[in-house]
Amino acid sequence: RLWDTQGKLLAELRGHQGEVYSVAISTDNQRIVSGGEDGTVRLWDTQGKQVAELKGHQGFVFSVAISTDNQRIVSGGEDGTV
């Protein structure tokens, strides 16, 4: 879920199957990335719309991050790959 700092719910981001283990937001506050139990990395806009589903890990995705220039996403998984 995406909340503002006053506690108002702005959006629910639904798409992962199972638990979500990591979430990051871009420095320009325009994109959110998440990774989880289903082995996918998902890219969202801040309205809650899924922009992309990235596949490649064989197993859980435990870690995601967005570069400071907002041009790259990195993920780390149970399969030992980044």
N, C-alpha and C. Protein backbone atom coordinates (compact mmCIF):
# COMPACT_ATOMS: atom_id res chain seq x y z
N ARG A 1 0.84 -1.18 0.00
CA ARG A 1 0.00 0.00 0.00
C ARG A 1 0.88 1.23 0.00
N LEU A 2 0.37 2.28 -0.63
CA LEU A 2 1.06 3.56 -0.69
C LEU A 2 0.26 4.57 0.12
N TRP A 3 0.94 5.19 1.09
CA TRP A 3 0.31 6.15 1.99
C TRP A 3 1.00 7.49 1.87
N ASP A 4 0.28 8.57 2.14
CA ASP A 4 0.97 9.85 2.26
C ASP A 4 1.43 10.00 3.71
N THR A 5 2.17 11.06 3.99
CA THR A 5 2.74 11.22 5.34
C THR A 5 1.70 11.62 6.38
N GLN A 6 0.49 11.89 5.95
CA GLN A 6 -0.60 12.20 6.88
C GLN A 6 -1.40 10.94 7.24
N GLY A 7 -1.05 9.80 6.61
CA GLY A 7 -1.72 8.54 6.90
C GLY A 7 -2.86 8.21 5.96
N LYS A 8 -3.02 8.98 4.90
CA LYS A 8 -4.09 8.72 3.93
C LYS A 8 -3.62 7.66 2.93
N LEU A 9 -4.45 6.65 2.72
CA LEU A 9 -4.15 5.61 1.74
C LEU A 9 -4.32 6.19 0.34
N LEU A 10 -3.24 6.13 -0.46
CA LEU A 10 -3.26 6.67 -1.82
C LEU A 10 -3.52 5.60 -2.87
N ALA A 11 -2.98 4.40 -2.65
CA ALA A 11 -3.14 3.33 -3.64
C ALA A 11 -2.79 1.99 -3.02
N GLU A 12 -3.40 0.95 -3.56
CA GLU A 12 -3.03 -0.43 -3.23
C GLU A 12 -2.41 -1.03 -4.47
N LEU A 13 -1.21 -1.53 -4.33
CA LEU A 13 -0.48 -2.10 -5.45
C LEU A 13 -0.64 -3.61 -5.39
N ARG A 14 -1.44 -4.15 -6.28
CA ARG A 14 -1.73 -5.58 -6.27
C ARG A 14 -1.17 -6.23 -7.54
N GLY A 15 -0.54 -7.37 -7.36
CA GLY A 15 -0.01 -8.08 -8.51
C GLY A 15 0.85 -9.26 -8.13
N HIS A 16 1.63 -9.11 -7.05
CA HIS A 16 2.47 -10.22 -6.60
C HIS A 16 1.61 -11.38 -6.11
N GLN A 17 2.09 -12.58 -6.37
CA GLN A 17 1.48 -13.78 -5.81
C GLN A 17 2.33 -14.20 -4.62
N GLY A 18 1.81 -14.06 -3.44
CA GLY A 18 2.57 -14.37 -2.23
C GLY A 18 3.12 -13.11 -1.58
N GLU A 19 4.08 -13.32 -0.69
CA GLU A 19 4.62 -12.22 0.10
C GLU A 19 5.52 -11.31 -0.72
N VAL A 20 5.54 -10.03 -0.33
CA VAL A 20 6.45 -9.04 -0.90
C VAL A 20 7.57 -8.85 0.12
N TYR A 21 8.82 -8.97 -0.35
CA TYR A 21 9.97 -8.90 0.56
C TYR A 21 10.73 -7.59 0.50
N SER A 22 10.61 -6.83 -0.57
CA SER A 22 11.38 -5.60 -0.69
C SER A 22 10.64 -4.59 -1.56
N VAL A 23 10.75 -3.31 -1.17
CA VAL A 23 10.12 -2.22 -1.92
C VAL A 23 11.08 -1.03 -1.92
N ALA A 24 11.15 -0.32 -3.03
CA ALA A 24 11.96 0.90 -3.12
C ALA A 24 11.20 1.92 -3.96
N ILE A 25 11.48 3.19 -3.71
CA ILE A 25 10.86 4.26 -4.48
C ILE A 25 11.96 5.10 -5.13
N SER A 26 11.71 5.55 -6.34
CA SER A 26 12.70 6.34 -7.07
C SER A 26 12.91 7.70 -6.40
N THR A 27 14.08 8.28 -6.64
CA THR A 27 14.40 9.58 -6.02
C THR A 27 13.51 10.71 -6.54
N ASP A 28 12.92 10.53 -7.73
CA ASP A 28 11.99 11.54 -8.25
C ASP A 28 10.54 11.25 -7.85
N ASN A 29 10.36 10.19 -7.04
CA ASN A 29 9.03 9.81 -6.53
C ASN A 29 8.03 9.46 -7.61
N GLN A 30 8.50 9.01 -8.76
CA GLN A 30 7.61 8.67 -9.87
C GLN A 30 7.41 7.18 -10.05
N ARG A 31 8.31 6.36 -9.51
CA ARG A 31 8.24 4.90 -9.69
C ARG A 31 8.50 4.18 -8.38
N ILE A 32 7.87 3.04 -8.27
CA ILE A 32 8.05 2.14 -7.12
C ILE A 32 8.43 0.79 -7.70
N VAL A 33 9.35 0.10 -7.06
CA VAL A 33 9.75 -1.24 -7.48
C VAL A 33 9.56 -2.17 -6.29
N SER A 34 9.12 -3.40 -6.59
CA SER A 34 8.90 -4.38 -5.52
C SER A 34 9.38 -5.75 -5.98
N GLY A 35 9.75 -6.56 -5.02
CA GLY A 35 10.17 -7.93 -5.29
C GLY A 35 9.61 -8.86 -4.25
N GLY A 36 9.33 -10.11 -4.66
CA GLY A 36 8.69 -10.98 -3.69
C GLY A 36 8.82 -12.46 -3.95
N GLU A 37 7.97 -13.16 -3.24
CA GLU A 37 7.95 -14.62 -3.20
C GLU A 37 7.71 -15.25 -4.57
N ASP A 38 7.01 -14.56 -5.45
CA ASP A 38 6.68 -15.13 -6.76
C ASP A 38 7.83 -15.07 -7.75
N GLY A 39 8.99 -14.53 -7.32
CA GLY A 39 10.17 -14.49 -8.18
C GLY A 39 10.18 -13.36 -9.18
N THR A 40 9.23 -12.43 -9.06
CA THR A 40 9.17 -11.31 -10.00
C THR A 40 9.59 -10.01 -9.34
N VAL A 41 10.03 -9.08 -10.18
CA VAL A 41 10.25 -7.70 -9.80
C VAL A 41 9.18 -6.92 -10.55
N ARG A 42 8.48 -6.07 -9.85
CA ARG A 42 7.40 -5.30 -10.49
C ARG A 42 7.66 -3.81 -10.35
N LEU A 43 7.39 -3.10 -11.43
CA LEU A 43 7.57 -1.66 -11.48
C LEU A 43 6.18 -1.02 -11.53
N TRP A 44 5.98 -0.01 -10.71
CA TRP A 44 4.68 0.65 -10.54
C TRP A 44 4.84 2.16 -10.71
N ASP A 45 3.74 2.81 -11.10
CA ASP A 45 3.70 4.27 -10.98
C ASP A 45 3.11 4.60 -9.61
N THR A 46 3.13 5.85 -9.24
CA THR A 46 2.67 6.21 -7.89
C THR A 46 1.15 6.34 -7.79
N GLN A 47 0.46 5.98 -8.86
CA GLN A 47 -1.00 5.89 -8.81
C GLN A 47 -1.45 4.45 -8.54
N GLY A 48 -0.47 3.53 -8.47
CA GLY A 48 -0.77 2.13 -8.20
C GLY A 48 -0.90 1.27 -9.43
N LYS A 49 -0.59 1.80 -10.61
CA LYS A 49 -0.66 1.04 -11.85
C LYS A 49 0.66 0.32 -12.09
N GLN A 50 0.57 -0.98 -12.37
CA GLN A 50 1.77 -1.73 -12.70
C GLN A 50 2.26 -1.35 -14.08
N VAL A 51 3.53 -0.96 -14.18
CA VAL A 51 4.14 -0.52 -15.43
C VAL A 51 4.86 -1.68 -16.12
N ALA A 52 5.48 -2.57 -15.31
CA ALA A 52 6.22 -3.69 -15.88
C ALA A 52 6.32 -4.82 -14.86
N GLU A 53 6.41 -6.04 -15.38
CA GLU A 53 6.71 -7.23 -14.59
C GLU A 53 8.00 -7.81 -15.14
N LEU A 54 9.02 -7.85 -14.31
CA LEU A 54 10.34 -8.31 -14.72
C LEU A 54 10.60 -9.70 -14.16
N LYS A 55 10.95 -10.62 -15.04
CA LYS A 55 11.18 -12.01 -14.64
C LYS A 55 12.63 -12.39 -14.92
N GLY A 56 13.14 -13.34 -14.18
CA GLY A 56 14.50 -13.79 -14.41
C GLY A 56 15.06 -14.57 -13.24
N HIS A 57 14.60 -14.26 -12.05
CA HIS A 57 15.07 -14.99 -10.87
C HIS A 57 14.40 -16.36 -10.79
N GLN A 58 15.15 -17.31 -10.30
CA GLN A 58 14.62 -18.65 -10.04
C GLN A 58 14.43 -18.77 -8.53
N GLY A 59 13.33 -18.30 -8.04
CA GLY A 59 13.05 -18.30 -6.61
C GLY A 59 12.69 -16.90 -6.14
N PHE A 60 12.63 -16.76 -4.82
CA PHE A 60 12.20 -15.50 -4.21
C PHE A 60 13.12 -14.35 -4.59
N VAL A 61 12.56 -13.14 -4.68
CA VAL A 61 13.34 -11.91 -4.82
C VAL A 61 13.34 -11.24 -3.44
N PHE A 62 14.51 -11.16 -2.83
CA PHE A 62 14.62 -10.64 -1.48
C PHE A 62 14.99 -9.16 -1.40
N SER A 63 15.53 -8.60 -2.49
CA SER A 63 16.03 -7.24 -2.42
C SER A 63 15.85 -6.52 -3.76
N VAL A 64 15.41 -5.26 -3.71
CA VAL A 64 15.31 -4.43 -4.90
C VAL A 64 15.79 -3.02 -4.56
N ALA A 65 16.31 -2.33 -5.56
CA ALA A 65 16.73 -0.94 -5.39
C ALA A 65 16.65 -0.24 -6.74
N ILE A 66 16.58 1.09 -6.69
CA ILE A 66 16.57 1.92 -7.90
C ILE A 66 17.79 2.85 -7.80
N SER A 67 18.52 2.99 -8.90
CA SER A 67 19.69 3.86 -8.92
C SER A 67 19.28 5.31 -8.67
N THR A 68 20.22 6.10 -8.19
CA THR A 68 19.91 7.50 -7.86
C THR A 68 19.54 8.34 -9.08
N ASP A 69 19.96 7.90 -10.28
CA ASP A 69 19.55 8.62 -11.49
C ASP A 69 18.23 8.07 -12.06
N ASN A 70 17.64 7.09 -11.36
CA ASN A 70 16.35 6.49 -11.72
C ASN A 70 16.36 5.77 -13.05
N GLN A 71 17.53 5.34 -13.50
CA GLN A 71 17.65 4.68 -14.80
C GLN A 71 17.82 3.18 -14.70
N ARG A 72 18.11 2.67 -13.49
CA ARG A 72 18.38 1.24 -13.34
C ARG A 72 17.69 0.68 -12.11
N ILE A 73 17.30 -0.58 -12.23
CA ILE A 73 16.75 -1.34 -11.11
C ILE A 73 17.69 -2.51 -10.88
N VAL A 74 17.97 -2.81 -9.63
CA VAL A 74 18.78 -3.98 -9.31
C VAL A 74 17.97 -4.85 -8.34
N SER A 75 18.12 -6.17 -8.50
CA SER A 75 17.39 -7.09 -7.62
C SER A 75 18.31 -8.24 -7.23
N GLY A 76 18.07 -8.78 -6.07
CA GLY A 76 18.83 -9.93 -5.58
C GLY A 76 17.87 -11.01 -5.14
N GLY A 77 18.21 -12.26 -5.48
CA GLY A 77 17.27 -13.33 -5.20
C GLY A 77 17.85 -14.53 -4.51
N GLU A 78 16.93 -15.40 -4.14
CA GLU A 78 17.24 -16.66 -3.49
C GLU A 78 18.17 -17.53 -4.34
N ASP A 79 18.13 -17.32 -5.65
CA ASP A 79 18.94 -18.12 -6.57
C ASP A 79 20.41 -17.69 -6.57
N GLY A 80 20.76 -16.70 -5.76
CA GLY A 80 22.14 -16.25 -5.68
C GLY A 80 22.56 -15.29 -6.77
N THR A 81 21.59 -14.77 -7.53
CA THR A 81 21.93 -13.83 -8.60
C THR A 81 21.48 -12.42 -8.25
N VAL A 82 22.17 -11.48 -8.86
CA VAL A 82 21.81 -10.06 -8.77
C VAL A 82 21.54 -9.59 -10.18
